[in-house]
Amino acid sequence: MMFWYGNGMNGWGWFAMSAGMILFWSLLITAVVLIFRTLDRAAERPRGSGTATSAERILGERLARGEIDEEEYRRRLTVLRDAEP
């Protein structure tokens, strides 16, 4: 009496089990990828104040383009570094 449907699993049962397994592995892989992406972005962030490093970078670019001379560069760099908290 127990095995009216063969071995207890009909076509819909196999379909539900297969779909559930695909969904499970998809969610697991997506979670792992998102965790690694988050950790990778955290490692790429600059340490310390982001505005000071970008300001120093811009100042260096201006020196490289010849917009300011070395004396002006050093004076402004000192001001930027003294202004950091």
PDB file of N, CA and C in Angstrom:
ATOM      1  N   MET A   1       0.806  -1.195   0.000  1.00  0.00           N
ATOM      2  CA  MET A   1       0.000   0.000   0.000  1.00  0.00           C
ATOM      3  C   MET A   1       0.856   1.270   0.000  1.00  0.00           C
ATOM      4  N   MET A   2       2.029   1.156   0.518  1.00  0.00           N
ATOM      5  CA  MET A   2       2.863   2.325   0.656  1.00  0.00           C
ATOM      6  C   MET A   2       3.427   2.806  -0.686  1.00  0.00           C
ATOM      7  N   PHE A   3       3.588   1.913  -1.647  1.00  0.00           N
ATOM      8  CA  PHE A   3       4.222   2.258  -2.902  1.00  0.00           C
ATOM      9  C   PHE A   3       3.233   2.374  -4.045  1.00  0.00           C
ATOM     10  N   TRP A   4       2.180   3.153  -3.874  1.00  0.00           N
ATOM     11  CA  TRP A   4       1.204   3.339  -4.936  1.00  0.00           C
ATOM     12  C   TRP A   4       1.791   4.096  -6.120  1.00  0.00           C
ATOM     13  N   TYR A   5       2.728   4.998  -5.841  1.00  0.00           N
ATOM     14  CA  TYR A   5       3.315   5.817  -6.909  1.00  0.00           C
ATOM     15  C   TYR A   5       4.697   5.298  -7.276  1.00  0.00           C
ATOM     16  N   GLY A   6       4.891   4.037  -7.347  1.00  0.00           N
ATOM     17  CA  GLY A   6       6.197   3.476  -7.675  1.00  0.00           C
ATOM     18  C   GLY A   6       7.062   3.472  -6.431  1.00  0.00           C
ATOM     19  N   ASN A   7       8.153   4.174  -6.470  1.00  0.00           N
ATOM     20  CA  ASN A   7       9.047   4.218  -5.314  1.00  0.00           C
ATOM     21  C   ASN A   7       8.813   5.457  -4.444  1.00  0.00           C
ATOM     22  N   GLY A   8       7.680   6.088  -4.574  1.00  0.00           N
ATOM     23  CA  GLY A   8       7.330   7.223  -3.736  1.00  0.00           C
ATOM     24  C   GLY A   8       7.655   8.575  -4.352  1.00  0.00           C
ATOM     25  N   MET A   9       8.243   8.609  -5.536  1.00  0.00           N
ATOM     26  CA  MET A   9       8.633   9.870  -6.151  1.00  0.00           C
ATOM     27  C   MET A   9       8.073   9.903  -7.561  1.00  0.00           C
ATOM     28  N   ASN A  10       7.133  10.813  -7.833  1.00  0.00           N
ATOM     29  CA  ASN A  10       6.597  10.934  -9.186  1.00  0.00           C
ATOM     30  C   ASN A  10       7.369  12.012  -9.941  1.00  0.00           C
ATOM     31  N   GLY A  11       6.927  12.381 -11.121  1.00  0.00           N
ATOM     32  CA  GLY A  11       7.631  13.370 -11.944  1.00  0.00           C
ATOM     33  C   GLY A  11       7.739  14.723 -11.286  1.00  0.00           C
ATOM     34  N   TRP A  12       6.682  15.169 -10.593  1.00  0.00           N
ATOM     35  CA  TRP A  12       6.730  16.472  -9.928  1.00  0.00           C
ATOM     36  C   TRP A  12       7.685  16.452  -8.750  1.00  0.00           C
ATOM     37  N   GLY A  13       7.794  15.344  -8.105  1.00  0.00           N
ATOM     38  CA  GLY A  13       8.744  15.232  -6.996  1.00  0.00           C
ATOM     39  C   GLY A  13      10.175  15.368  -7.468  1.00  0.00           C
ATOM     40  N   TRP A  14      10.499  14.715  -8.572  1.00  0.00           N
ATOM     41  CA  TRP A  14      11.839  14.848  -9.137  1.00  0.00           C
ATOM     42  C   TRP A  14      12.100  16.276  -9.602  1.00  0.00           C
ATOM     43  N   PHE A  15      11.096  16.882 -10.207  1.00  0.00           N
ATOM     44  CA  PHE A  15      11.244  18.270 -10.662  1.00  0.00           C
ATOM     45  C   PHE A  15      11.480  19.205  -9.482  1.00  0.00           C
ATOM     46  N   ALA A  16      10.675  19.063  -8.415  1.00  0.00           N
ATOM     47  CA  ALA A  16      10.820  19.935  -7.244  1.00  0.00           C
ATOM     48  C   ALA A  16      12.179  19.733  -6.588  1.00  0.00           C
ATOM     49  N   MET A  17      12.630  18.490  -6.503  1.00  0.00           N
ATOM     50  CA  MET A  17      13.927  18.210  -5.904  1.00  0.00           C
ATOM     51  C   MET A  17      15.047  18.808  -6.756  1.00  0.00           C
ATOM     52  N   SER A  18      14.978  18.678  -8.055  1.00  0.00           N
ATOM     53  CA  SER A  18      16.009  19.236  -8.948  1.00  0.00           C
ATOM     54  C   SER A  18      16.020  20.757  -8.893  1.00  0.00           C
ATOM     55  N   ALA A  19      14.834  21.365  -8.962  1.00  0.00           N
ATOM     56  CA  ALA A  19      14.749  22.825  -8.906  1.00  0.00           C
ATOM     57  C   ALA A  19      15.253  23.342  -7.558  1.00  0.00           C
ATOM     58  N   GLY A  20      14.916  22.638  -6.492  1.00  0.00           N
ATOM     59  CA  GLY A  20      15.386  23.043  -5.174  1.00  0.00           C
ATOM     60  C   GLY A  20      16.901  22.966  -5.057  1.00  0.00           C
ATOM     61  N   MET A  21      17.499  21.940  -5.626  1.00  0.00           N
ATOM     62  CA  MET A  21      18.956  21.796  -5.578  1.00  0.00           C
ATOM     63  C   MET A  21      19.639  22.881  -6.402  1.00  0.00           C
ATOM     64  N   ILE A  22      19.093  23.187  -7.572  1.00  0.00           N
ATOM     65  CA  ILE A  22      19.665  24.263  -8.398  1.00  0.00           C
ATOM     66  C   ILE A  22      19.543  25.599  -7.675  1.00  0.00           C
ATOM     67  N   LEU A  23      18.404  25.852  -7.074  1.00  0.00           N
ATOM     68  CA  LEU A  23      18.215  27.096  -6.323  1.00  0.00           C
ATOM     69  C   LEU A  23      19.179  27.182  -5.142  1.00  0.00           C
ATOM     70  N   PHE A  24      19.343  26.088  -4.414  1.00  0.00           N
ATOM     71  CA  PHE A  24      20.256  26.058  -3.273  1.00  0.00           C
ATOM     72  C   PHE A  24      21.681  26.390  -3.690  1.00  0.00           C
ATOM     73  N   TRP A  25      22.196  25.714  -4.722  1.00  0.00           N
ATOM     74  CA  TRP A  25      23.573  25.960  -5.154  1.00  0.00           C
ATOM     75  C   TRP A  25      23.739  27.359  -5.752  1.00  0.00           C
ATOM     76  N   SER A  26      22.725  27.851  -6.440  1.00  0.00           N
ATOM     77  CA  SER A  26      22.789  29.214  -6.983  1.00  0.00           C
ATOM     78  C   SER A  26      22.898  30.243  -5.864  1.00  0.00           C
ATOM     79  N   LEU A  27      22.088  30.093  -4.838  1.00  0.00           N
ATOM     80  CA  LEU A  27      22.146  31.022  -3.710  1.00  0.00           C
ATOM     81  C   LEU A  27      23.470  30.921  -2.974  1.00  0.00           C
ATOM     82  N   LEU A  28      23.984  29.726  -2.800  1.00  0.00           N
ATOM     83  CA  LEU A  28      25.255  29.546  -2.110  1.00  0.00           C
ATOM     84  C   LEU A  28      26.409  30.187  -2.884  1.00  0.00           C
ATOM     85  N   ILE A  29      26.454  29.955  -4.187  1.00  0.00           N
ATOM     86  CA  ILE A  29      27.519  30.529  -5.017  1.00  0.00           C
ATOM     87  C   ILE A  29      27.403  32.052  -5.054  1.00  0.00           C
ATOM     88  N   THR A  30      26.188  32.579  -5.162  1.00  0.00           N
ATOM     89  CA  THR A  30      25.987  34.029  -5.164  1.00  0.00           C
ATOM     90  C   THR A  30      26.450  34.646  -3.843  1.00  0.00           C
ATOM     91  N   ALA A  31      26.138  34.007  -2.737  1.00  0.00           N
ATOM     92  CA  ALA A  31      26.563  34.524  -1.432  1.00  0.00           C
ATOM     93  C   ALA A  31      28.078  34.542  -1.322  1.00  0.00           C
ATOM     94  N   VAL A  32      28.751  33.497  -1.778  1.00  0.00           N
ATOM     95  CA  VAL A  32      30.216  33.436  -1.712  1.00  0.00           C
ATOM     96  C   VAL A  32      30.834  34.525  -2.586  1.00  0.00           C
ATOM     97  N   VAL A  33      30.311  34.714  -3.789  1.00  0.00           N
ATOM     98  CA  VAL A  33      30.844  35.746  -4.690  1.00  0.00           C
ATOM     99  C   VAL A  33      30.656  37.134  -4.079  1.00  0.00           C
ATOM    100  N   LEU A  34      29.495  37.404  -3.502  1.00  0.00           N
ATOM    101  CA  LEU A  34      29.254  38.712  -2.898  1.00  0.00           C
ATOM    102  C   LEU A  34      30.166  38.956  -1.695  1.00  0.00           C
ATOM    103  N   ILE A  35      30.413  37.935  -0.911  1.00  0.00           N
ATOM    104  CA  ILE A  35      31.321  38.089   0.235  1.00  0.00           C
ATOM    105  C   ILE A  35      32.721  38.403  -0.240  1.00  0.00           C
ATOM    106  N   PHE A  36      33.218  37.684  -1.251  1.00  0.00           N
ATOM    107  CA  PHE A  36      34.557  37.954  -1.758  1.00  0.00           C
ATOM    108  C   PHE A  36      34.660  39.340  -2.390  1.00  0.00           C
ATOM    109  N   ARG A  37      33.628  39.770  -3.095  1.00  0.00           N
ATOM    110  CA  ARG A  37      33.640  41.123  -3.678  1.00  0.00           C
ATOM    111  C   ARG A  37      33.700  42.192  -2.596  1.00  0.00           C
ATOM    112  N   THR A  38      32.927  42.003  -1.534  1.00  0.00           N
ATOM    113  CA  THR A  38      32.926  42.965  -0.433  1.00  0.00           C
ATOM    114  C   THR A  38      34.289  43.028   0.232  1.00  0.00           C
ATOM    115  N   LEU A  39      34.897  41.881   0.468  1.00  0.00           N
ATOM    116  CA  LEU A  39      36.224  41.857   1.084  1.00  0.00           C
ATOM    117  C   LEU A  39      37.266  42.481   0.167  1.00  0.00           C
ATOM    118  N   ASP A  40      37.135  42.258  -1.139  1.00  0.00           N
ATOM    119  CA  ASP A  40      38.087  42.826  -2.090  1.00  0.00           C
ATOM    120  C   ASP A  40      37.979  44.346  -2.139  1.00  0.00           C
ATOM    121  N   ARG A  41      36.759  44.857  -2.088  1.00  0.00           N
ATOM    122  CA  ARG A  41      36.583  46.318  -2.083  1.00  0.00           C
ATOM    123  C   ARG A  41      37.125  46.941  -0.812  1.00  0.00           C
ATOM    124  N   ALA A  42      36.965  46.258   0.309  1.00  0.00           N
ATOM    125  CA  ALA A  42      37.487  46.775   1.575  1.00  0.00           C
ATOM    126  C   ALA A  42      39.010  46.840   1.542  1.00  0.00           C
ATOM    127  N   ALA A  43      39.650  45.902   0.862  1.00  0.00           N
ATOM    128  CA  ALA A  43      41.109  45.898   0.771  1.00  0.00           C
ATOM    129  C   ALA A  43      41.612  47.007  -0.157  1.00  0.00           C
ATOM    130  N   GLU A  44      40.813  47.431  -1.125  1.00  0.00           N
ATOM    131  CA  GLU A  44      41.232  48.465  -2.072  1.00  0.00           C
ATOM    132  C   GLU A  44      41.117  49.875  -1.518  1.00  0.00           C
ATOM    133  N   ARG A  45      40.326  50.069  -0.464  1.00  0.00           N
ATOM    134  CA  ARG A  45      40.125  51.410   0.075  1.00  0.00           C
ATOM    135  C   ARG A  45      41.430  51.939   0.666  1.00  0.00           C
ATOM    136  N   PRO A  46      41.736  53.206   0.425  1.00  0.00           N
ATOM    137  CA  PRO A  46      42.962  53.777   0.994  1.00  0.00           C
ATOM    138  C   PRO A  46      42.845  53.927   2.504  1.00  0.00           C
ATOM    139  N   ARG A  47      43.944  53.760   3.170  1.00  0.00           N
ATOM    140  CA  ARG A  47      43.986  53.918   4.620  1.00  0.00           C
ATOM    141  C   ARG A  47      44.017  55.399   4.965  1.00  0.00           C
ATOM    142  N   GLY A  48      43.443  55.765   6.078  1.00  0.00           N
ATOM    143  CA  GLY A  48      43.483  57.153   6.542  1.00  0.00           C
ATOM    144  C   GLY A  48      42.456  58.017   5.843  1.00  0.00           C
ATOM    145  N   SER A  49      42.742  59.294   5.788  1.00  0.00           N
ATOM    146  CA  SER A  49      41.804  60.256   5.219  1.00  0.00           C
ATOM    147  C   SER A  49      41.845  60.198   3.698  1.00  0.00           C
ATOM    148  N   GLY A  50      40.708  59.977   3.088  1.00  0.00           N
ATOM    149  CA  GLY A  50      40.637  59.888   1.638  1.00  0.00           C
ATOM    150  C   GLY A  50      40.826  61.231   0.968  1.00  0.00           C
ATOM    151  N   THR A  51      40.406  62.333   1.619  1.00  0.00           N
ATOM    152  CA  THR A  51      40.540  63.650   1.004  1.00  0.00           C
ATOM    153  C   THR A  51      41.988  64.096   0.968  1.00  0.00           C
ATOM    154  N   ALA A  52      42.763  63.779   2.003  1.00  0.00           N
ATOM    155  CA  ALA A  52      44.163  64.202   2.026  1.00  0.00           C
ATOM    156  C   ALA A  52      44.954  63.482   0.943  1.00  0.00           C
ATOM    157  N   THR A  53      44.731  62.183   0.789  1.00  0.00           N
ATOM    158  CA  THR A  53      45.479  61.459  -0.232  1.00  0.00           C
ATOM    159  C   THR A  53      45.096  61.913  -1.634  1.00  0.00           C
ATOM    160  N   SER A  54      43.822  62.205  -1.856  1.00  0.00           N
ATOM    161  CA  SER A  54      43.443  62.670  -3.185  1.00  0.00           C
ATOM    162  C   SER A  54      43.955  64.091  -3.415  1.00  0.00           C
ATOM    163  N   ALA A  55      43.988  64.907  -2.369  1.00  0.00           N
ATOM    164  CA  ALA A  55      44.525  66.261  -2.515  1.00  0.00           C
ATOM    165  C   ALA A  55      46.023  66.218  -2.795  1.00  0.00           C
ATOM    166  N   GLU A  56      46.728  65.314  -2.128  1.00  0.00           N
ATOM    167  CA  GLU A  56      48.163  65.175  -2.380  1.00  0.00           C
ATOM    168  C   GLU A  56      48.411  64.659  -3.796  1.00  0.00           C
ATOM    169  N   ARG A  57      47.550  63.765  -4.250  1.00  0.00           N
ATOM    170  CA  ARG A  57      47.692  63.233  -5.605  1.00  0.00           C
ATOM    171  C   ARG A  57      47.481  64.340  -6.636  1.00  0.00           C
ATOM    172  N   ILE A  58      46.464  65.163  -6.426  1.00  0.00           N
ATOM    173  CA  ILE A  58      46.199  66.281  -7.341  1.00  0.00           C
ATOM    174  C   ILE A  58      47.354  67.271  -7.326  1.00  0.00           C
ATOM    175  N   LEU A  59      47.888  67.514  -6.140  1.00  0.00           N
ATOM    176  CA  LEU A  59      49.028  68.429  -6.031  1.00  0.00           C
ATOM    177  C   LEU A  59      50.233  67.875  -6.791  1.00  0.00           C
ATOM    178  N   GLY A  60      50.468  66.560  -6.674  1.00  0.00           N
ATOM    179  CA  GLY A  60      51.553  65.930  -7.420  1.00  0.00           C
ATOM    180  C   GLY A  60      51.342  66.008  -8.920  1.00  0.00           C
ATOM    181  N   GLU A  61      50.096  65.861  -9.360  1.00  0.00           N
ATOM    182  CA  GLU A  61      49.796  65.971 -10.787  1.00  0.00           C
ATOM    183  C   GLU A  61      50.050  67.386 -11.294  1.00  0.00           C
ATOM    184  N   ARG A  62      49.706  68.368 -10.487  1.00  0.00           N
ATOM    185  CA  ARG A  62      49.952  69.767 -10.893  1.00  0.00           C
ATOM    186  C   ARG A  62      51.446  70.041 -11.012  1.00  0.00           C
ATOM    187  N   LEU A  63      52.235  69.462 -10.102  1.00  0.00           N
ATOM    188  CA  LEU A  63      53.697  69.614 -10.180  1.00  0.00           C
ATOM    189  C   LEU A  63      54.219  68.943 -11.446  1.00  0.00           C
ATOM    190  N   ALA A  64      53.708  67.757 -11.752  1.00  0.00           N
ATOM    191  CA  ALA A  64      54.167  67.030 -12.936  1.00  0.00           C
ATOM    192  C   ALA A  64      53.810  67.761 -14.226  1.00  0.00           C
ATOM    193  N   ARG A  65      52.669  68.436 -14.246  1.00  0.00           N
ATOM    194  CA  ARG A  65      52.281  69.194 -15.444  1.00  0.00           C
ATOM    195  C   ARG A  65      53.012  70.528 -15.557  1.00  0.00           C
ATOM    196  N   GLY A  66      53.694  70.933 -14.492  1.00  0.00           N
ATOM    197  CA  GLY A  66      54.418  72.191 -14.525  1.00  0.00           C
ATOM    198  C   GLY A  66      53.581  73.390 -14.132  1.00  0.00           C
ATOM    199  N   GLU A  67      52.411  73.178 -13.577  1.00  0.00           N
ATOM    200  CA  GLU A  67      51.553  74.288 -13.162  1.00  0.00           C
ATOM    201  C   GLU A  67      52.117  74.996 -11.927  1.00  0.00           C
ATOM    202  N   ILE A  68      52.801  74.261 -11.068  1.00  0.00           N
ATOM    203  CA  ILE A  68      53.429  74.849  -9.886  1.00  0.00           C
ATOM    204  C   ILE A  68      54.872  74.369  -9.829  1.00  0.00           C
ATOM    205  N   ASP A  69      55.725  75.154  -9.169  1.00  0.00           N
ATOM    206  CA  ASP A  69      57.120  74.740  -9.036  1.00  0.00           C
ATOM    207  C   ASP A  69      57.304  73.912  -7.762  1.00  0.00           C
ATOM    208  N   GLU A  70      58.511  73.420  -7.547  1.00  0.00           N
ATOM    209  CA  GLU A  70      58.785  72.526  -6.418  1.00  0.00           C
ATOM    210  C   GLU A  70      58.600  73.228  -5.071  1.00  0.00           C
ATOM    211  N   GLU A  71      58.972  74.506  -5.007  1.00  0.00           N
ATOM    212  CA  GLU A  71      58.814  75.254  -3.752  1.00  0.00           C
ATOM    213  C   GLU A  71      57.332  75.389  -3.386  1.00  0.00           C
ATOM    214  N   GLU A  72      56.508  75.720  -4.374  1.00  0.00           N
ATOM    215  CA  GLU A  72      55.068  75.827  -4.148  1.00  0.00           C
ATOM    216  C   GLU A  72      54.480  74.471  -3.758  1.00  0.00           C
ATOM    217  N   TYR A  73      54.970  73.407  -4.421  1.00  0.00           N
ATOM    218  CA  TYR A  73      54.503  72.057  -4.103  1.00  0.00           C
ATOM    219  C   TYR A  73      54.797  71.709  -2.647  1.00  0.00           C
ATOM    220  N   ARG A  74      56.018  71.931  -2.209  1.00  0.00           N
ATOM    221  CA  ARG A  74      56.403  71.591  -0.831  1.00  0.00           C
ATOM    222  C   ARG A  74      55.621  72.432   0.182  1.00  0.00           C
ATOM    223  N   ARG A  75      55.424  73.714  -0.118  1.00  0.00           N
ATOM    224  CA  ARG A  75      54.685  74.577   0.796  1.00  0.00           C
ATOM    225  C   ARG A  75      53.235  74.107   0.944  1.00  0.00           C
ATOM    226  N   ARG A  76      52.591  73.808  -0.170  1.00  0.00           N
ATOM    227  CA  ARG A  76      51.202  73.351  -0.115  1.00  0.00           C
ATOM    228  C   ARG A  76      51.076  71.951   0.499  1.00  0.00           C
ATOM    229  N   LEU A  77      52.049  71.103   0.252  1.00  0.00           N
ATOM    230  CA  LEU A  77      52.030  69.766   0.837  1.00  0.00           C
ATOM    231  C   LEU A  77      52.157  69.844   2.362  1.00  0.00           C
ATOM    232  N   THR A  78      53.010  70.756   2.839  1.00  0.00           N
ATOM    233  CA  THR A  78      53.140  70.954   4.284  1.00  0.00           C
ATOM    234  C   THR A  78      51.819  71.440   4.885  1.00  0.00           C
ATOM    235  N   VAL A  79      51.159  72.339   4.206  1.00  0.00           N
ATOM    236  CA  VAL A  79      49.873  72.833   4.690  1.00  0.00           C
ATOM    237  C   VAL A  79      48.841  71.701   4.725  1.00  0.00           C
ATOM    238  N   LEU A  80      48.812  70.887   3.694  1.00  0.00           N
ATOM    239  CA  LEU A  80      47.861  69.769   3.659  1.00  0.00           C
ATOM    240  C   LEU A  80      48.117  68.786   4.795  1.00  0.00           C
ATOM    241  N   ARG A  81      49.367  68.445   5.033  1.00  0.00           N
ATOM    242  CA  ARG A  81      49.690  67.457   6.059  1.00  0.00           C
ATOM    243  C   ARG A  81      49.490  68.014   7.464  1.00  0.00           C
ATOM    244  N   ASP A  82      49.683  69.316   7.649  1.00  0.00           N
ATOM    245  CA  ASP A  82      49.425  69.915   8.963  1.00  0.00           C
ATOM    246  C   ASP A  82      47.933  70.007   9.256  1.00  0.00           C
ATOM    247  N   ALA A  83      47.130  70.062   8.208  1.00  0.00           N
ATOM    248  CA  ALA A  83      45.680  70.197   8.382  1.00  0.00           C
ATOM    249  C   ALA A  83      45.008  68.866   8.701  1.00  0.00           C
ATOM    250  N   GLU A  84      45.722  67.734   8.541  1.00  0.00           N
ATOM    251  CA  GLU A  84      45.127  66.428   8.836  1.00  0.00           C
ATOM    252  C   GLU A  84      44.864  66.302  10.333  1.00  0.00           C
ATOM    253  N   PRO A  85      43.742  65.650  10.692  1.00  0.00           N
ATOM    254  CA  PRO A  85      43.433  65.487  12.119  1.00  0.00           C
ATOM    255  C   PRO A  85      44.351  64.521  12.832  1.00  0.00           C
TER     256      PRO A  85
END
